Amino acid sequence: MVIKSDLLKFKHITACLIAWAVLCYACKTKVFPGSPEKNGNLLVTFKRTACFGKCPTYDVNIYANGLLTYHGIRFTELEGNYYATLSKSELEDIQRRFKDAGFEKFEVSYPPPGEAPPDLPSCVIVYGGKSVKTKWGKYPAALASLQTYLDSLWQSKKLQKYDQP
């Protein structure tokens, strides 16, 4: 009698633990580093472009589901495709920073197109359908702050390598 009762309790506890594990896994946000189209809206694109020298060249994309992808192209510590996930609060912080910076009011290019030497690297940020490119010279401190923040964000993550399909 006691053994049968204990066995029944064990089966019940085991079933509850399995159900809990399945629910936790199902509720976790899924990210698809190799399939950008499955990750929802692209929130931010951040690029550092090439120069005629050894400038780090890479792209960072941040998606609405929290996926951050990094593609190191050349002269970077990490070359290839990497990803990390961002928390909901980090995604909210990104959106708040763009709003506070007044990103929608920035010029499209600093300096205006054609005024910068062609061998200088660029930094390109795309957010909310707007693209802003900086090369050198004077540009708003709030834009410089966004660039620094985006660089520190991806650099602070433990990036995991993935292969592009």
Protein backbone atom coordinates (compact mmCIF):
# COMPACT_ATOMS: atom_id res chain seq x y z
CA MET A 1 0.00 0.00 0.00
CA VAL A 2 2.72 2.48 1.02
CA ILE A 3 4.86 1.58 -2.00
CA LYS A 4 1.93 2.03 -4.38
CA SER A 5 1.12 5.44 -2.83
CA ASP A 6 4.76 6.57 -3.04
CA LEU A 7 4.97 5.44 -6.67
CA LEU A 8 1.84 7.40 -7.49
CA LYS A 9 3.27 10.54 -5.83
CA PHE A 10 6.53 10.07 -7.74
CA LYS A 11 4.67 9.77 -11.07
CA HIS A 12 2.59 12.85 -10.24
CA ILE A 13 5.65 14.94 -9.31
CA THR A 14 7.53 13.75 -12.40
CA ALA A 15 4.58 14.64 -14.65
CA CYS A 16 4.36 18.11 -13.08
CA LEU A 17 8.10 18.73 -13.55
CA ILE A 18 7.96 17.67 -17.20
CA ALA A 19 4.93 19.89 -17.83
CA TRP A 20 6.69 22.82 -16.13
CA ALA A 21 9.85 22.29 -18.22
CA VAL A 22 7.84 22.15 -21.46
CA LEU A 23 5.97 25.33 -20.57
CA CYS A 24 9.18 27.18 -19.69
CA TYR A 25 10.76 26.14 -22.97
CA ALA A 26 7.67 27.07 -24.99
CA CYS A 27 7.43 30.51 -23.39
CA LYS A 28 11.06 31.39 -24.04
CA THR A 29 11.51 33.80 -26.94
CA LYS A 30 12.90 31.92 -29.88
CA VAL A 31 15.59 33.48 -32.03
CA PHE A 32 16.73 32.38 -35.45
CA PRO A 33 20.20 33.81 -36.16
CA GLY A 34 20.51 32.20 -39.60
CA SER A 35 17.00 33.19 -40.74
CA PRO A 36 16.46 36.94 -40.22
CA GLU A 37 12.98 36.82 -41.73
CA LYS A 38 11.81 34.71 -38.76
CA ASN A 39 12.86 37.26 -36.13
CA GLY A 40 10.20 39.90 -36.57
CA ASN A 41 10.89 43.53 -37.25
CA LEU A 42 14.43 44.76 -37.60
CA LEU A 43 14.78 47.51 -34.98
CA VAL A 44 18.33 48.74 -35.54
CA THR A 45 21.11 48.25 -38.04
CA PHE A 46 24.54 49.51 -37.00
CA LYS A 47 27.49 49.36 -39.42
CA ARG A 48 31.13 50.28 -39.39
CA THR A 49 32.39 50.47 -42.97
CA ALA A 50 35.79 49.93 -44.57
CA CYS A 51 38.51 52.45 -45.22
CA PHE A 52 41.68 52.23 -47.32
CA GLY A 53 43.54 50.97 -44.23
CA LYS A 54 42.79 48.50 -41.45
CA CYS A 55 39.53 49.88 -40.11
CA PRO A 56 37.25 47.39 -38.32
CA THR A 57 34.36 46.51 -40.62
CA TYR A 58 31.22 44.90 -39.21
CA ASP A 59 27.41 44.96 -39.15
CA VAL A 60 25.12 44.60 -36.14
CA ASN A 61 21.38 43.98 -36.44
CA ILE A 62 18.90 44.06 -33.56
CA TYR A 63 15.46 42.47 -34.00
CA ALA A 64 12.18 42.97 -32.14
CA ASN A 65 12.38 39.47 -30.61
CA GLY A 66 15.69 40.31 -28.90
CA LEU A 67 18.06 38.74 -31.41
CA LEU A 68 21.31 40.63 -31.90
CA THR A 69 23.41 39.48 -34.88
CA TYR A 70 26.99 40.52 -35.49
CA HIS A 71 28.81 39.98 -38.78
CA GLY A 72 32.54 40.68 -38.53
CA ILE A 73 33.83 41.36 -42.02
CA ARG A 74 37.50 42.32 -41.63
CA PHE A 75 40.05 43.75 -39.22
CA THR A 76 37.89 42.77 -36.26
CA GLU A 77 38.59 40.55 -33.30
CA LEU A 78 35.64 38.39 -34.35
CA GLU A 79 35.19 37.63 -38.03
CA GLY A 80 32.14 35.72 -39.20
CA ASN A 81 28.59 35.43 -37.90
CA TYR A 82 27.70 35.65 -34.21
CA TYR A 83 24.57 36.22 -32.19
CA ALA A 84 23.32 37.03 -28.71
CA THR A 85 19.92 37.70 -27.20
CA LEU A 86 18.79 40.90 -25.57
CA SER A 87 16.30 41.17 -22.73
CA LYS A 88 13.01 42.99 -22.98
CA SER A 89 14.40 45.78 -20.79
CA GLU A 90 17.44 46.15 -23.09
CA LEU A 91 15.12 46.44 -26.10
CA GLU A 92 13.06 49.07 -24.27
CA ASP A 93 16.27 50.92 -23.33
CA ILE A 94 17.38 50.97 -26.99
CA GLN A 95 14.08 52.48 -28.10
CA ARG A 96 14.14 55.03 -25.27
CA ARG A 97 17.67 56.12 -26.18
CA PHE A 98 16.74 56.67 -29.84
CA LYS A 99 13.69 58.68 -28.81
CA ASP A 100 15.63 60.75 -26.26
CA ALA A 101 18.39 61.45 -28.82
CA GLY A 102 15.82 62.73 -31.33
CA PHE A 103 17.12 60.35 -33.99
CA GLU A 104 14.36 61.26 -36.44
CA LYS A 105 15.65 64.88 -36.51
CA PHE A 106 19.26 64.08 -37.44
CA GLU A 107 20.56 64.88 -40.91
CA VAL A 108 20.99 61.94 -43.28
CA SER A 109 24.77 62.41 -43.51
CA TYR A 110 27.51 64.11 -41.49
CA PRO A 111 29.21 65.82 -43.28
CA PRO A 112 26.94 66.26 -46.30
CA PRO A 113 27.60 63.79 -49.13
CA GLY A 114 30.77 64.50 -51.12
CA GLU A 115 32.46 66.61 -48.43
CA ALA A 116 34.40 63.82 -46.68
CA PRO A 117 37.54 62.19 -48.03
CA PRO A 118 36.62 58.84 -49.62
CA ASP A 119 39.13 56.80 -47.62
CA LEU A 120 37.52 57.46 -44.24
CA PRO A 121 35.34 54.80 -42.61
CA SER A 122 31.66 55.47 -41.99
CA CYS A 123 29.29 54.62 -39.22
CA VAL A 124 25.73 53.96 -40.38
CA ILE A 125 22.73 53.64 -38.08
CA VAL A 126 19.29 52.70 -39.39
CA TYR A 127 16.33 53.03 -37.04
CA GLY A 128 12.63 53.55 -37.69
CA GLY A 129 13.18 53.53 -41.45
CA LYS A 130 15.73 56.36 -41.28
CA SER A 131 19.43 55.97 -42.09
CA VAL A 132 22.08 58.30 -40.68
CA LYS A 133 25.72 58.14 -41.83
CA THR A 134 28.71 59.77 -40.15
CA LYS A 135 32.25 59.97 -41.52
CA TRP A 136 34.10 62.68 -39.68
CA GLY A 137 33.80 66.24 -38.50
CA LYS A 138 31.09 67.71 -36.37
CA TYR A 139 27.89 65.87 -35.70
CA PRO A 140 25.46 65.95 -32.77
CA ALA A 141 26.74 64.67 -29.43
CA ALA A 142 23.53 62.67 -29.05
CA LEU A 143 24.39 60.78 -32.27
CA ALA A 144 27.93 60.11 -31.04
CA SER A 145 26.43 58.84 -27.79
CA LEU A 146 24.16 56.42 -29.70
CA GLN A 147 27.16 55.09 -31.63
CA THR A 148 29.11 54.53 -28.42
CA TYR A 149 26.11 52.87 -26.76
CA LEU A 150 25.47 50.49 -29.69
CA ASP A 151 29.15 49.50 -29.80
CA SER A 152 29.22 48.88 -26.04
CA LEU A 153 25.96 46.91 -26.21
CA TRP A 154 27.15 44.25 -28.65
CA GLN A 155 30.65 44.18 -27.14
CA SER A 156 29.18 43.47 -23.68
CA LYS A 157 27.42 40.32 -24.89
CA LYS A 158 28.75 36.80 -24.97
CA LEU A 159 28.43 36.25 -28.71
CA GLN A 160 27.84 32.74 -30.02
CA LYS A 161 29.05 31.70 -33.47
CA TYR A 162 26.57 30.46 -36.06
CA ASP A 163 26.81 29.39 -39.67
CA GLN A 164 24.88 31.22 -42.32
CA PRO A 165 22.60 28.76 -44.18
